Amino acid sequence: MRASPLFPAIRQLLRGQALVVAAAVWIAYLAGGEQAARSSLLGGLAAFLPNAYFATRVGKSQNKKTAREIVHSFYVGETVKLVSTALLFSLVLQLPNVVFAPLIATFVAVLTVFWFALLLNDNPTK
């Protein structure tokens, strides 16, 4: 069976998000030191890990046979993603010495990768 054209896009999106996490951690380290960099990393992971799970879940649904199963997989994946994001944030905020600004800035930056990818897509009908 031929691979879905969605898989390269998912891999590219996840790579972009990982690159944003790395760049944000580096910037936070230069601007605020080790605690800021650690907080930035935690914020990036709180966004990236649930997105990676969702991408894997939806990617696996491509081999299912019915539209109902694909939609169900999408809803379950999105629910798990939202709940795991909330759990990760609640755990991160319990840690000592978390710097909120780099944490939330990296979280938002990772999430915006998806929206910029949509804006930069030159052919949305592919």
PDB file of N, CA and C in Angstrom:
ATOM      1  N   MET A   1       0.833  -1.169   0.000  1.00  0.00           N
ATOM      2  CA  MET A   1       0.000   0.000   0.000  1.00  0.00           C
ATOM      3  C   MET A   1       0.884   1.242   0.000  1.00  0.00           C
ATOM      4  N   ARG A   2       0.520   2.235  -0.793  1.00  0.00           N
ATOM      5  CA  ARG A   2       1.279   3.464  -0.894  1.00  0.00           C
ATOM      6  C   ARG A   2       1.062   4.344   0.330  1.00  0.00           C
ATOM      7  N   ALA A   3       2.116   5.018   0.772  1.00  0.00           N
ATOM      8  CA  ALA A   3       2.006   5.903   1.943  1.00  0.00           C
ATOM      9  C   ALA A   3       1.138   7.110   1.601  1.00  0.00           C
ATOM     10  N   SER A   4       0.406   7.569   2.559  1.00  0.00           N
ATOM     11  CA  SER A   4      -0.450   8.731   2.407  1.00  0.00           C
ATOM     12  C   SER A   4       0.401   9.982   2.207  1.00  0.00           C
ATOM     13  N   PRO A   5      -0.042  10.928   1.357  1.00  0.00           N
ATOM     14  CA  PRO A   5       0.716  12.166   1.198  1.00  0.00           C
ATOM     15  C   PRO A   5       0.696  13.028   2.460  1.00  0.00           C
ATOM     16  N   LEU A   6      -0.137  12.676   3.409  1.00  0.00           N
ATOM     17  CA  LEU A   6      -0.214  13.419   4.667  1.00  0.00           C
ATOM     18  C   LEU A   6       1.022  13.180   5.535  1.00  0.00           C
ATOM     19  N   PHE A   7       1.626  11.999   5.450  1.00  0.00           N
ATOM     20  CA  PHE A   7       2.737  11.683   6.331  1.00  0.00           C
ATOM     21  C   PHE A   7       3.935  12.615   6.187  1.00  0.00           C
ATOM     22  N   PRO A   8       4.394  12.957   4.979  1.00  0.00           N
ATOM     23  CA  PRO A   8       5.505  13.906   4.897  1.00  0.00           C
ATOM     24  C   PRO A   8       5.145  15.259   5.505  1.00  0.00           C
ATOM     25  N   ALA A   9       3.919  15.701   5.340  1.00  0.00           N
ATOM     26  CA  ALA A   9       3.496  16.977   5.921  1.00  0.00           C
ATOM     27  C   ALA A   9       3.514  16.905   7.444  1.00  0.00           C
ATOM     28  N   ILE A  10       3.080  15.785   8.002  1.00  0.00           N
ATOM     29  CA  ILE A  10       3.092  15.623   9.457  1.00  0.00           C
ATOM     30  C   ILE A  10       4.528  15.620   9.969  1.00  0.00           C
ATOM     31  N   ARG A  11       5.398  14.875   9.303  1.00  0.00           N
ATOM     32  CA  ARG A  11       6.803  14.856   9.716  1.00  0.00           C
ATOM     33  C   ARG A  11       7.419  16.246   9.635  1.00  0.00           C
ATOM     34  N   GLN A  12       7.126  16.970   8.572  1.00  0.00           N
ATOM     35  CA  GLN A  12       7.675  18.316   8.397  1.00  0.00           C
ATOM     36  C   GLN A  12       7.145  19.255   9.489  1.00  0.00           C
ATOM     37  N   LEU A  13       5.886  19.145   9.819  1.00  0.00           N
ATOM     38  CA  LEU A  13       5.309  19.981  10.872  1.00  0.00           C
ATOM     39  C   LEU A  13       5.947  19.686  12.221  1.00  0.00           C
ATOM     40  N   LEU A  14       6.114  18.412  12.546  1.00  0.00           N
ATOM     41  CA  LEU A  14       6.735  18.050  13.821  1.00  0.00           C
ATOM     42  C   LEU A  14       8.203  18.484  13.870  1.00  0.00           C
ATOM     43  N   ARG A  15       8.898  18.372  12.754  1.00  0.00           N
ATOM     44  CA  ARG A  15      10.282  18.864  12.701  1.00  0.00           C
ATOM     45  C   ARG A  15      10.324  20.376  12.939  1.00  0.00           C
ATOM     46  N   GLY A  16       9.392  21.079  12.325  1.00  0.00           N
ATOM     47  CA  GLY A  16       9.320  22.523  12.516  1.00  0.00           C
ATOM     48  C   GLY A  16       9.055  22.884  13.966  1.00  0.00           C
ATOM     49  N   GLN A  17       8.156  22.152  14.605  1.00  0.00           N
ATOM     50  CA  GLN A  17       7.868  22.410  16.005  1.00  0.00           C
ATOM     51  C   GLN A  17       9.085  22.109  16.880  1.00  0.00           C
ATOM     52  N   ALA A  18       9.781  21.025  16.595  1.00  0.00           N
ATOM     53  CA  ALA A  18      10.988  20.689  17.365  1.00  0.00           C
ATOM     54  C   ALA A  18      12.064  21.756  17.172  1.00  0.00           C
ATOM     55  N   LEU A  19      12.176  22.263  15.960  1.00  0.00           N
ATOM     56  CA  LEU A  19      13.150  23.324  15.684  1.00  0.00           C
ATOM     57  C   LEU A  19      12.796  24.602  16.449  1.00  0.00           C
ATOM     58  N   VAL A  20      11.520  24.918  16.529  1.00  0.00           N
ATOM     59  CA  VAL A  20      11.089  26.100  17.286  1.00  0.00           C
ATOM     60  C   VAL A  20      11.403  25.915  18.772  1.00  0.00           C
ATOM     61  N   VAL A  21      11.184  24.708  19.293  1.00  0.00           N
ATOM     62  CA  VAL A  21      11.520  24.446  20.701  1.00  0.00           C
ATOM     63  C   VAL A  21      13.012  24.669  20.920  1.00  0.00           C
ATOM     64  N   ALA A  22      13.834  24.103  20.055  1.00  0.00           N
ATOM     65  CA  ALA A  22      15.290  24.248  20.214  1.00  0.00           C
ATOM     66  C   ALA A  22      15.720  25.716  20.133  1.00  0.00           C
ATOM     67  N   ALA A  23      15.186  26.448  19.175  1.00  0.00           N
ATOM     68  CA  ALA A  23      15.545  27.862  19.030  1.00  0.00           C
ATOM     69  C   ALA A  23      15.074  28.671  20.236  1.00  0.00           C
ATOM     70  N   ALA A  24      13.871  28.397  20.713  1.00  0.00           N
ATOM     71  CA  ALA A  24      13.335  29.139  21.859  1.00  0.00           C
ATOM     72  C   ALA A  24      14.141  28.849  23.127  1.00  0.00           C
ATOM     73  N   VAL A  25      14.537  27.600  23.309  1.00  0.00           N
ATOM     74  CA  VAL A  25      15.356  27.252  24.478  1.00  0.00           C
ATOM     75  C   VAL A  25      16.691  27.985  24.410  1.00  0.00           C
ATOM     76  N   TRP A  26      17.290  28.024  23.247  1.00  0.00           N
ATOM     77  CA  TRP A  26      18.565  28.712  23.076  1.00  0.00           C
ATOM     78  C   TRP A  26      18.419  30.210  23.371  1.00  0.00           C
ATOM     79  N   ILE A  27      17.375  30.820  22.831  1.00  0.00           N
ATOM     80  CA  ILE A  27      17.125  32.249  23.067  1.00  0.00           C
ATOM     81  C   ILE A  27      16.861  32.500  24.552  1.00  0.00           C
ATOM     82  N   ALA A  28      16.071  31.638  25.171  1.00  0.00           N
ATOM     83  CA  ALA A  28      15.778  31.801  26.605  1.00  0.00           C
ATOM     84  C   ALA A  28      17.051  31.662  27.434  1.00  0.00           C
ATOM     85  N   TYR A  29      17.920  30.748  27.030  1.00  0.00           N
ATOM     86  CA  TYR A  29      19.183  30.582  27.756  1.00  0.00           C
ATOM     87  C   TYR A  29      20.042  31.838  27.652  1.00  0.00           C
ATOM     88  N   LEU A  30      20.133  32.371  26.442  1.00  0.00           N
ATOM     89  CA  LEU A  30      20.939  33.576  26.245  1.00  0.00           C
ATOM     90  C   LEU A  30      20.344  34.776  26.978  1.00  0.00           C
ATOM     91  N   ALA A  31      19.021  34.857  27.006  1.00  0.00           N
ATOM     92  CA  ALA A  31      18.363  36.017  27.600  1.00  0.00           C
ATOM     93  C   ALA A  31      18.188  35.900  29.114  1.00  0.00           C
ATOM     94  N   GLY A  32      17.963  34.681  29.613  1.00  0.00           N
ATOM     95  CA  GLY A  32      17.616  34.564  31.018  1.00  0.00           C
ATOM     96  C   GLY A  32      18.333  33.503  31.808  1.00  0.00           C
ATOM     97  N   GLY A  33      19.205  32.763  31.177  1.00  0.00           N
ATOM     98  CA  GLY A  33      19.962  31.757  31.900  1.00  0.00           C
ATOM     99  C   GLY A  33      19.304  30.381  31.915  1.00  0.00           C
ATOM    100  N   GLU A  34      19.834  29.558  32.790  1.00  0.00           N
ATOM    101  CA  GLU A  34      19.440  28.149  32.828  1.00  0.00           C
ATOM    102  C   GLU A  34      17.981  27.941  33.227  1.00  0.00           C
ATOM    103  N   GLN A  35      17.495  28.675  34.205  1.00  0.00           N
ATOM    104  CA  GLN A  35      16.097  28.501  34.632  1.00  0.00           C
ATOM    105  C   GLN A  35      15.131  28.891  33.523  1.00  0.00           C
ATOM    106  N   ALA A  36      15.437  29.966  32.819  1.00  0.00           N
ATOM    107  CA  ALA A  36      14.587  30.388  31.711  1.00  0.00           C
ATOM    108  C   ALA A  36      14.611  29.342  30.591  1.00  0.00           C
ATOM    109  N   ALA A  37      15.787  28.798  30.314  1.00  0.00           N
ATOM    110  CA  ALA A  37      15.900  27.773  29.269  1.00  0.00           C
ATOM    111  C   ALA A  37      15.133  26.516  29.657  1.00  0.00           C
ATOM    112  N   ARG A  38      15.233  26.107  30.917  1.00  0.00           N
ATOM    113  CA  ARG A  38      14.503  24.926  31.390  1.00  0.00           C
ATOM    114  C   ARG A  38      12.988  25.167  31.289  1.00  0.00           C
ATOM    115  N   SER A  39      12.557  26.349  31.670  1.00  0.00           N
ATOM    116  CA  SER A  39      11.132  26.682  31.583  1.00  0.00           C
ATOM    117  C   SER A  39      10.668  26.692  30.126  1.00  0.00           C
ATOM    118  N   SER A  40      11.503  27.222  29.268  1.00  0.00           N
ATOM    119  CA  SER A  40      11.189  27.248  27.838  1.00  0.00           C
ATOM    120  C   SER A  40      11.059  25.827  27.286  1.00  0.00           C
ATOM    121  N   LEU A  41      11.987  24.974  27.668  1.00  0.00           N
ATOM    122  CA  LEU A  41      11.931  23.577  27.230  1.00  0.00           C
ATOM    123  C   LEU A  41      10.650  22.900  27.707  1.00  0.00           C
ATOM    124  N   LEU A  42      10.282  23.133  28.957  1.00  0.00           N
ATOM    125  CA  LEU A  42       9.062  22.519  29.491  1.00  0.00           C
ATOM    126  C   LEU A  42       7.819  23.024  28.761  1.00  0.00           C
ATOM    127  N   GLY A  43       7.785  24.310  28.449  1.00  0.00           N
ATOM    128  CA  GLY A  43       6.665  24.856  27.689  1.00  0.00           C
ATOM    129  C   GLY A  43       6.597  24.274  26.281  1.00  0.00           C
ATOM    130  N   GLY A  44       7.757  24.129  25.663  1.00  0.00           N
ATOM    131  CA  GLY A  44       7.803  23.529  24.331  1.00  0.00           C
ATOM    132  C   GLY A  44       7.361  22.081  24.334  1.00  0.00           C
ATOM    133  N   LEU A  45       7.798  21.329  25.339  1.00  0.00           N
ATOM    134  CA  LEU A  45       7.399  19.926  25.433  1.00  0.00           C
ATOM    135  C   LEU A  45       5.914  19.778  25.742  1.00  0.00           C
ATOM    136  N   ALA A  46       5.360  20.714  26.523  1.00  0.00           N
ATOM    137  CA  ALA A  46       3.928  20.669  26.831  1.00  0.00           C
ATOM    138  C   ALA A  46       3.081  20.861  25.576  1.00  0.00           C
ATOM    139  N   ALA A  47       3.621  21.524  24.576  1.00  0.00           N
ATOM    140  CA  ALA A  47       2.918  21.677  23.301  1.00  0.00           C
ATOM    141  C   ALA A  47       3.284  20.565  22.327  1.00  0.00           C
ATOM    142  N   PHE A  48       4.580  20.228  22.260  1.00  0.00           N
ATOM    143  CA  PHE A  48       5.061  19.288  21.244  1.00  0.00           C
ATOM    144  C   PHE A  48       4.609  17.847  21.489  1.00  0.00           C
ATOM    145  N   LEU A  49       4.727  17.366  22.701  1.00  0.00           N
ATOM    146  CA  LEU A  49       4.413  15.959  22.978  1.00  0.00           C
ATOM    147  C   LEU A  49       2.949  15.607  22.682  1.00  0.00           C
ATOM    148  N   PRO A  50       1.976  16.404  23.129  1.00  0.00           N
ATOM    149  CA  PRO A  50       0.591  16.091  22.755  1.00  0.00           C
ATOM    150  C   PRO A  50       0.354  16.188  21.247  1.00  0.00           C
ATOM    151  N   ASN A  51       1.013  17.139  20.583  1.00  0.00           N
ATOM    152  CA  ASN A  51       0.873  17.239  19.129  1.00  0.00           C
ATOM    153  C   ASN A  51       1.451  16.009  18.430  1.00  0.00           C
ATOM    154  N   ALA A  52       2.584  15.527  18.923  1.00  0.00           N
ATOM    155  CA  ALA A  52       3.191  14.332  18.340  1.00  0.00           C
ATOM    156  C   ALA A  52       2.278  13.121  18.524  1.00  0.00           C
ATOM    157  N   TYR A  53       1.670  13.014  19.705  1.00  0.00           N
ATOM    158  CA  TYR A  53       0.717  11.924  19.930  1.00  0.00           C
ATOM    159  C   TYR A  53      -0.450  12.024  18.944  1.00  0.00           C
ATOM    160  N   PHE A  54      -1.010  13.216  18.816  1.00  0.00           N
ATOM    161  CA  PHE A  54      -2.149  13.406  17.925  1.00  0.00           C
ATOM    162  C   PHE A  54      -1.780  13.062  16.482  1.00  0.00           C
ATOM    163  N   ALA A  55      -0.614  13.521  16.040  1.00  0.00           N
ATOM    164  CA  ALA A  55      -0.177  13.242  14.675  1.00  0.00           C
ATOM    165  C   ALA A  55      -0.029  11.743  14.445  1.00  0.00           C
ATOM    166  N   THR A  56       0.494  11.038  15.424  1.00  0.00           N
ATOM    167  CA  THR A  56       0.637   9.583  15.309  1.00  0.00           C
ATOM    168  C   THR A  56      -0.730   8.916  15.275  1.00  0.00           C
ATOM    169  N   ARG A  57      -1.622   9.362  16.127  1.00  0.00           N
ATOM    170  CA  ARG A  57      -2.969   8.779  16.198  1.00  0.00           C
ATOM    171  C   ARG A  57      -3.717   8.993  14.887  1.00  0.00           C
ATOM    172  N   VAL A  58      -3.696  10.211  14.366  1.00  0.00           N
ATOM    173  CA  VAL A  58      -4.395  10.494  13.117  1.00  0.00           C
ATOM    174  C   VAL A  58      -3.696   9.798  11.956  1.00  0.00           C
ATOM    175  N   GLY A  59      -2.379   9.741  11.991  1.00  0.00           N
ATOM    176  CA  GLY A  59      -1.647   9.053  10.929  1.00  0.00           C
ATOM    177  C   GLY A  59      -1.993   7.584  10.846  1.00  0.00           C
ATOM    178  N   LYS A  60      -2.191   6.952  11.991  1.00  0.00           N
ATOM    179  CA  LYS A  60      -2.584   5.543  12.001  1.00  0.00           C
ATOM    180  C   LYS A  60      -3.998   5.355  11.466  1.00  0.00           C
ATOM    181  N   SER A  61      -4.834   6.365  11.610  1.00  0.00           N
ATOM    182  CA  SER A  61      -6.223   6.227  11.168  1.00  0.00           C
ATOM    183  C   SER A  61      -6.338   6.181   9.652  1.00  0.00           C
ATOM    184  N   GLN A  62      -5.284   6.533   8.934  1.00  0.00           N
ATOM    185  CA  GLN A  62      -5.344   6.518   7.475  1.00  0.00           C
ATOM    186  C   GLN A  62      -5.584   5.118   6.927  1.00  0.00           C
ATOM    187  N   ASN A  63      -5.201   4.096   7.664  1.00  0.00           N
ATOM    188  CA  ASN A  63      -5.365   2.726   7.189  1.00  0.00           C
ATOM    189  C   ASN A  63      -6.720   2.131   7.542  1.00  0.00           C
ATOM    190  N   LYS A  64      -7.527   2.849   8.288  1.00  0.00           N
ATOM    191  CA  LYS A  64      -8.844   2.337   8.664  1.00  0.00           C
ATOM    192  C   LYS A  64      -9.771   2.404   7.465  1.00  0.00           C
ATOM    193  N   LYS A  65     -10.836   1.625   7.536  1.00  0.00           N
ATOM    194  CA  LYS A  65     -11.681   1.479   6.365  1.00  0.00           C
ATOM    195  C   LYS A  65     -12.841   2.472   6.289  1.00  0.00           C
ATOM    196  N   THR A  66     -13.455   2.799   7.382  1.00  0.00           N
ATOM    197  CA  THR A  66     -14.658   3.622   7.312  1.00  0.00           C
ATOM    198  C   THR A  66     -14.382   5.054   7.765  1.00  0.00           C
ATOM    199  N   ALA A  67     -15.198   5.951   7.254  1.00  0.00           N
ATOM    200  CA  ALA A  67     -15.096   7.348   7.651  1.00  0.00           C
ATOM    201  C   ALA A  67     -15.408   7.504   9.138  1.00  0.00           C
ATOM    202  N   ARG A  68     -16.335   6.725   9.628  1.00  0.00           N
ATOM    203  CA  ARG A  68     -16.702   6.787  11.047  1.00  0.00           C
ATOM    204  C   ARG A  68     -15.495   6.473  11.935  1.00  0.00           C
ATOM    205  N   GLU A  69     -14.717   5.462  11.567  1.00  0.00           N
ATOM    206  CA  GLU A  69     -13.533   5.094  12.349  1.00  0.00           C
ATOM    207  C   GLU A  69     -12.471   6.186  12.299  1.00  0.00           C
ATOM    208  N   ILE A  70     -12.329   6.821  11.150  1.00  0.00           N
ATOM    209  CA  ILE A  70     -11.349   7.894  11.020  1.00  0.00           C
ATOM    210  C   ILE A  70     -11.762   9.085  11.873  1.00  0.00           C
ATOM    211  N   VAL A  71     -13.032   9.450  11.818  1.00  0.00           N
ATOM    212  CA  VAL A  71     -13.526  10.577  12.621  1.00  0.00           C
ATOM    213  C   VAL A  71     -13.405  10.254  14.115  1.00  0.00           C
ATOM    214  N   HIS A  72     -13.736   9.023  14.494  1.00  0.00           N
ATOM    215  CA  HIS A  72     -13.614   8.620  15.891  1.00  0.00           C
ATOM    216  C   HIS A  72     -12.157   8.724  16.356  1.00  0.00           C
ATOM    217  N   SER A  73     -11.236   8.284  15.526  1.00  0.00           N
ATOM    218  CA  SER A  73      -9.819   8.365  15.861  1.00  0.00           C
ATOM    219  C   SER A  73      -9.392   9.822  16.031  1.00  0.00           C
ATOM    220  N   PHE A  74      -9.902  10.686  15.167  1.00  0.00           N
ATOM    221  CA  PHE A  74      -9.590  12.107  15.259  1.00  0.00           C
ATOM    222  C   PHE A  74     -10.090  12.682  16.580  1.00  0.00           C
ATOM    223  N   TYR A  75     -11.326  12.399  16.939  1.00  0.00           N
ATOM    224  CA  TYR A  75     -11.898  12.941  18.184  1.00  0.00           C
ATOM    225  C   TYR A  75     -11.191  12.393  19.425  1.00  0.00           C
ATOM    226  N   VAL A  76     -10.884  11.119  19.427  1.00  0.00           N
ATOM    227  CA  VAL A  76     -10.170  10.538  20.564  1.00  0.00           C
ATOM    228  C   VAL A  76      -8.775  11.156  20.662  1.00  0.00           C
ATOM    229  N   GLY A  77      -8.100  11.283  19.537  1.00  0.00           N
ATOM    230  CA  GLY A  77      -6.763  11.875  19.527  1.00  0.00           C
ATOM    231  C   GLY A  77      -6.774  13.313  20.028  1.00  0.00           C
ATOM    232  N   GLU A  78      -7.744  14.094  19.586  1.00  0.00           N
ATOM    233  CA  GLU A  78      -7.833  15.491  20.012  1.00  0.00           C
ATOM    234  C   GLU A  78      -8.169  15.591  21.498  1.00  0.00           C
ATOM    235  N   THR A  79      -9.037  14.728  21.979  1.00  0.00           N
ATOM    236  CA  THR A  79      -9.380  14.729  23.404  1.00  0.00           C
ATOM    237  C   THR A  79      -8.165  14.392  24.254  1.00  0.00           C
ATOM    238  N   VAL A  80      -7.443  13.352  23.872  1.00  0.00           N
ATOM    239  CA  VAL A  80      -6.236  12.965  24.611  1.00  0.00           C
ATOM    240  C   VAL A  80      -5.198  14.083  24.548  1.00  0.00           C
ATOM    241  N   LYS A  81      -5.081  14.729  23.399  1.00  0.00           N
ATOM    242  CA  LYS A  81      -4.133  15.831  23.251  1.00  0.00           C
ATOM    243  C   LYS A  81      -4.473  16.976  24.204  1.00  0.00           C
ATOM    244  N   LEU A  82      -5.728  17.369  24.268  1.00  0.00           N
ATOM    245  CA  LEU A  82      -6.126  18.469  25.152  1.00  0.00           C
ATOM    246  C   LEU A  82      -5.942  18.118  26.625  1.00  0.00           C
ATOM    247  N   VAL A  83      -6.338  16.905  27.000  1.00  0.00           N
ATOM    248  CA  VAL A  83      -6.203  16.482  28.395  1.00  0.00           C
ATOM    249  C   VAL A  83      -4.730  16.362  28.778  1.00  0.00           C
ATOM    250  N   SER A  84      -3.921  15.794  27.894  1.00  0.00           N
ATOM    251  CA  SER A  84      -2.500  15.643  28.225  1.00  0.00           C
ATOM    252  C   SER A  84      -1.799  17.000  28.287  1.00  0.00           C
ATOM    253  N   THR A  85      -2.214  17.942  27.452  1.00  0.00           N
ATOM    254  CA  THR A  85      -1.653  19.290  27.528  1.00  0.00           C
ATOM    255  C   THR A  85      -1.972  19.920  28.882  1.00  0.00           C
ATOM    256  N   ALA A  86      -3.213  19.799  29.316  1.00  0.00           N
ATOM    257  CA  ALA A  86      -3.610  20.343  30.620  1.00  0.00           C
ATOM    258  C   ALA A  86      -2.835  19.664  31.756  1.00  0.00           C
ATOM    259  N   LEU A  87      -2.692  18.354  31.669  1.00  0.00           N
ATOM    260  CA  LEU A  87      -1.942  17.629  32.704  1.00  0.00           C
ATOM    261  C   LEU A  87      -0.475  18.040  32.731  1.00  0.00           C
ATOM    262  N   LEU A  88       0.120  18.148  31.565  1.00  0.00           N
ATOM    263  CA  LEU A  88       1.528  18.560  31.508  1.00  0.00           C
ATOM    264  C   LEU A  88       1.712  19.957  32.095  1.00  0.00           C
ATOM    265  N   PHE A  89       0.806  20.864  31.757  1.00  0.00           N
ATOM    266  CA  PHE A  89       0.907  22.203  32.321  1.00  0.00           C
ATOM    267  C   PHE A  89       0.730  22.185  33.830  1.00  0.00           C
ATOM    268  N   SER A  90      -0.213  21.422  34.319  1.00  0.00           N
ATOM    269  CA  SER A  90      -0.420  21.382  35.770  1.00  0.00           C
ATOM    270  C   SER A  90       0.802  20.789  36.474  1.00  0.00           C
ATOM    271  N   LEU A  91       1.450  19.808  35.858  1.00  0.00           N
ATOM    272  CA  LEU A  91       2.667  19.240  36.439  1.00  0.00           C
ATOM    273  C   LEU A  91       3.830  20.234  36.390  1.00  0.00           C
ATOM    274  N   VAL A  92       3.982  20.900  35.261  1.00  0.00           N
ATOM    275  CA  VAL A  92       5.081  21.854  35.098  1.00  0.00           C
ATOM    276  C   VAL A  92       4.942  23.008  36.087  1.00  0.00           C
ATOM    277  N   LEU A  93       3.733  23.473  36.295  1.00  0.00           N
ATOM    278  CA  LEU A  93       3.535  24.613  37.186  1.00  0.00           C
ATOM    279  C   LEU A  93       3.746  24.254  38.654  1.00  0.00           C
ATOM    280  N   GLN A  94       3.831  22.966  38.959  1.00  0.00           N
ATOM    281  CA  GLN A  94       4.133  22.525  40.321  1.00  0.00           C
ATOM    282  C   GLN A  94       5.629  22.518  40.611  1.00  0.00           C
ATOM    283  N   LEU A  95       6.427  22.583  39.566  1.00  0.00           N
ATOM    284  CA  LEU A  95       7.877  22.545  39.739  1.00  0.00           C
ATOM    285  C   LEU A  95       8.385  23.864  40.314  1.00  0.00           C
ATOM    286  N   PRO A  96       9.445  23.788  41.137  1.00  0.00           N
ATOM    287  CA  PRO A  96      10.014  25.031  41.674  1.00  0.00           C
ATOM    288  C   PRO A  96      10.814  25.766  40.595  1.00  0.00           C
ATOM    289  N   ASN A  97      10.889  27.058  40.729  1.00  0.00           N
ATOM    290  CA  ASN A  97      11.727  27.911  39.873  1.00  0.00           C
ATOM    291  C   ASN A  97      11.318  27.928  38.405  1.00  0.00           C
ATOM    292  N   VAL A  98      10.053  27.709  38.117  1.00  0.00           N
ATOM    293  CA  VAL A  98       9.590  27.811  36.739  1.00  0.00           C
ATOM    294  C   VAL A  98       9.373  29.287  36.420  1.00  0.00           C
ATOM    295  N   VAL A  99       9.937  29.708  35.303  1.00  0.00           N
ATOM    296  CA  VAL A  99       9.787  31.094  34.859  1.00  0.00           C
ATOM    297  C   VAL A  99       8.647  31.108  33.843  1.00  0.00           C
ATOM    298  N   PHE A 100       7.574  31.811  34.174  1.00  0.00           N
ATOM    299  CA  PHE A 100       6.351  31.722  33.389  1.00  0.00           C
ATOM    300  C   PHE A 100       6.490  32.291  31.978  1.00  0.00           C
ATOM    301  N   ALA A 101       7.160  33.408  31.798  1.00  0.00           N
ATOM    302  CA  ALA A 101       7.238  34.058  30.481  1.00  0.00           C
ATOM    303  C   ALA A 101       7.868  33.149  29.409  1.00  0.00           C
ATOM    304  N   PRO A 102       9.045  32.553  29.641  1.00  0.00           N
ATOM    305  CA  PRO A 102       9.589  31.665  28.606  1.00  0.00           C
ATOM    306  C   PRO A 102       8.750  30.397  28.420  1.00  0.00           C
ATOM    307  N   LEU A 103       8.130  29.930  29.502  1.00  0.00           N
ATOM    308  CA  LEU A 103       7.281  28.743  29.423  1.00  0.00           C
ATOM    309  C   LEU A 103       6.127  28.976  28.455  1.00  0.00           C
ATOM    310  N   ILE A 104       5.387  30.046  28.666  1.00  0.00           N
ATOM    311  CA  ILE A 104       4.210  30.305  27.846  1.00  0.00           C
ATOM    312  C   ILE A 104       4.601  30.788  26.448  1.00  0.00           C
ATOM    313  N   ALA A 105       5.700  31.537  26.342  1.00  0.00           N
ATOM    314  CA  ALA A 105       6.141  32.021  25.034  1.00  0.00           C
ATOM    315  C   ALA A 105       6.517  30.860  24.114  1.00  0.00           C
ATOM    316  N   THR A 106       7.222  29.886  24.642  1.00  0.00           N
ATOM    317  CA  THR A 106       7.603  28.733  23.823  1.00  0.00           C
ATOM    318  C   THR A 106       6.389  27.879  23.495  1.00  0.00           C
ATOM    319  N   PHE A 107       5.499  27.715  24.452  1.00  0.00           N
ATOM    320  CA  PHE A 107       4.264  26.966  24.208  1.00  0.00           C
ATOM    321  C   PHE A 107       3.496  27.586  23.038  1.00  0.00           C
ATOM    322  N   VAL A 108       3.305  28.884  23.077  1.00  0.00           N
ATOM    323  CA  VAL A 108       2.566  29.580  22.016  1.00  0.00           C
ATOM    324  C   VAL A 108       3.325  29.506  20.693  1.00  0.00           C
ATOM    325  N   ALA A 109       4.643  29.661  20.743  1.00  0.00           N
ATOM    326  CA  ALA A 109       5.451  29.598  19.513  1.00  0.00           C
ATOM    327  C   ALA A 109       5.328  28.242  18.837  1.00  0.00           C
ATOM    328  N   VAL A 110       5.337  27.181  19.614  1.00  0.00           N
ATOM    329  CA  VAL A 110       5.208  25.832  19.040  1.00  0.00           C
ATOM    330  C   VAL A 110       3.823  25.659  18.413  1.00  0.00           C
ATOM    331  N   LEU A 111       2.806  26.156  19.063  1.00  0.00           N
ATOM    332  CA  LEU A 111       1.453  26.038  18.509  1.00  0.00           C
ATOM    333  C   LEU A 111       1.287  26.848  17.229  1.00  0.00           C
ATOM    334  N   THR A 112       1.985  27.976  17.124  1.00  0.00           N
ATOM    335  CA  THR A 112       1.829  28.800  15.923  1.00  0.00           C
ATOM    336  C   THR A 112       2.504  28.192  14.694  1.00  0.00           C
ATOM    337  N   VAL A 113       3.380  27.230  14.890  1.00  0.00           N
ATOM    338  CA  VAL A 113       4.008  26.568  13.739  1.00  0.00           C
ATOM    339  C   VAL A 113       2.938  25.980  12.833  1.00  0.00           C
ATOM    340  N   PHE A 114       1.919  25.372  13.411  1.00  0.00           N
ATOM    341  CA  PHE A 114       0.838  24.782  12.619  1.00  0.00           C
ATOM    342  C   PHE A 114       0.124  25.849  11.795  1.00  0.00           C
ATOM    343  N   TRP A 115      -0.166  26.987  12.416  1.00  0.00           N
ATOM    344  CA  TRP A 115      -0.908  28.032  11.708  1.00  0.00           C
ATOM    345  C   TRP A 115      -0.062  28.658  10.608  1.00  0.00           C
ATOM    346  N   PHE A 116       1.218  28.850  10.841  1.00  0.00           N
ATOM    347  CA  PHE A 116       2.079  29.374   9.789  1.00  0.00           C
ATOM    348  C   PHE A 116       2.232  28.365   8.654  1.00  0.00           C
ATOM    349  N   ALA A 117       2.241  27.087   8.987  1.00  0.00           N
ATOM    350  CA  ALA A 117       2.315  26.063   7.943  1.00  0.00           C
ATOM    351  C   ALA A 117       1.084  26.137   7.047  1.00  0.00           C
ATOM    352  N   LEU A 118      -0.074  26.376   7.629  1.00  0.00           N
ATOM    353  CA  LEU A 118      -1.288  26.528   6.818  1.00  0.00           C
ATOM    354  C   LEU A 118      -1.216  27.776   5.942  1.00  0.00           C
ATOM    355  N   LEU A 119      -0.711  28.872   6.482  1.00  0.00           N
ATOM    356  CA  LEU A 119      -0.609  30.109   5.712  1.00  0.00           C
ATOM    357  C   LEU A 119       0.403  30.004   4.570  1.00  0.00           C
ATOM    358  N   LEU A 120       1.464  29.239   4.800  1.00  0.00           N
ATOM    359  CA  LEU A 120       2.522  29.123   3.805  1.00  0.00           C
ATOM    360  C   LEU A 120       2.255  28.049   2.751  1.00  0.00           C
ATOM    361  N   ASN A 121       1.206  27.258   2.958  1.00  0.00           N
ATOM    362  CA  ASN A 121       0.885  26.202   2.004  1.00  0.00           C
ATOM    363  C   ASN A 121       0.472  26.842   0.688  1.00  0.00           C
ATOM    364  N   ASP A 122       1.223  26.547  -0.360  1.00  0.00           N
ATOM    365  CA  ASP A 122       0.956  27.193  -1.653  1.00  0.00           C
ATOM    366  C   ASP A 122      -0.179  26.539  -2.424  1.00  0.00           C
ATOM    367  N   ASN A 123      -0.575  25.319  -2.058  1.00  0.00           N
ATOM    368  CA  ASN A 123      -1.654  24.657  -2.781  1.00  0.00           C
ATOM    369  C   ASN A 123      -2.522  23.889  -1.785  1.00  0.00           C
ATOM    370  N   PRO A 124      -3.534  24.543  -1.228  1.00  0.00           N
ATOM    371  CA  PRO A 124      -4.343  23.896  -0.198  1.00  0.00           C
ATOM    372  C   PRO A 124      -5.208  22.754  -0.704  1.00  0.00           C
ATOM    373  N   THR A 125      -5.319  22.565  -2.016  1.00  0.00           N
ATOM    374  CA  THR A 125      -6.155  21.484  -2.538  1.00  0.00           C
ATOM    375  C   THR A 125      -5.401  20.186  -2.714  1.00  0.00           C
ATOM    376  N   LYS A 126      -4.112  20.167  -2.452  1.00  0.00           N
ATOM    377  CA  LYS A 126      -3.322  18.926  -2.595  1.00  0.00           C
ATOM    378  C   LYS A 126      -3.766  17.891  -1.603  1.00  0.00           C
TER     379      LYS A 126
END
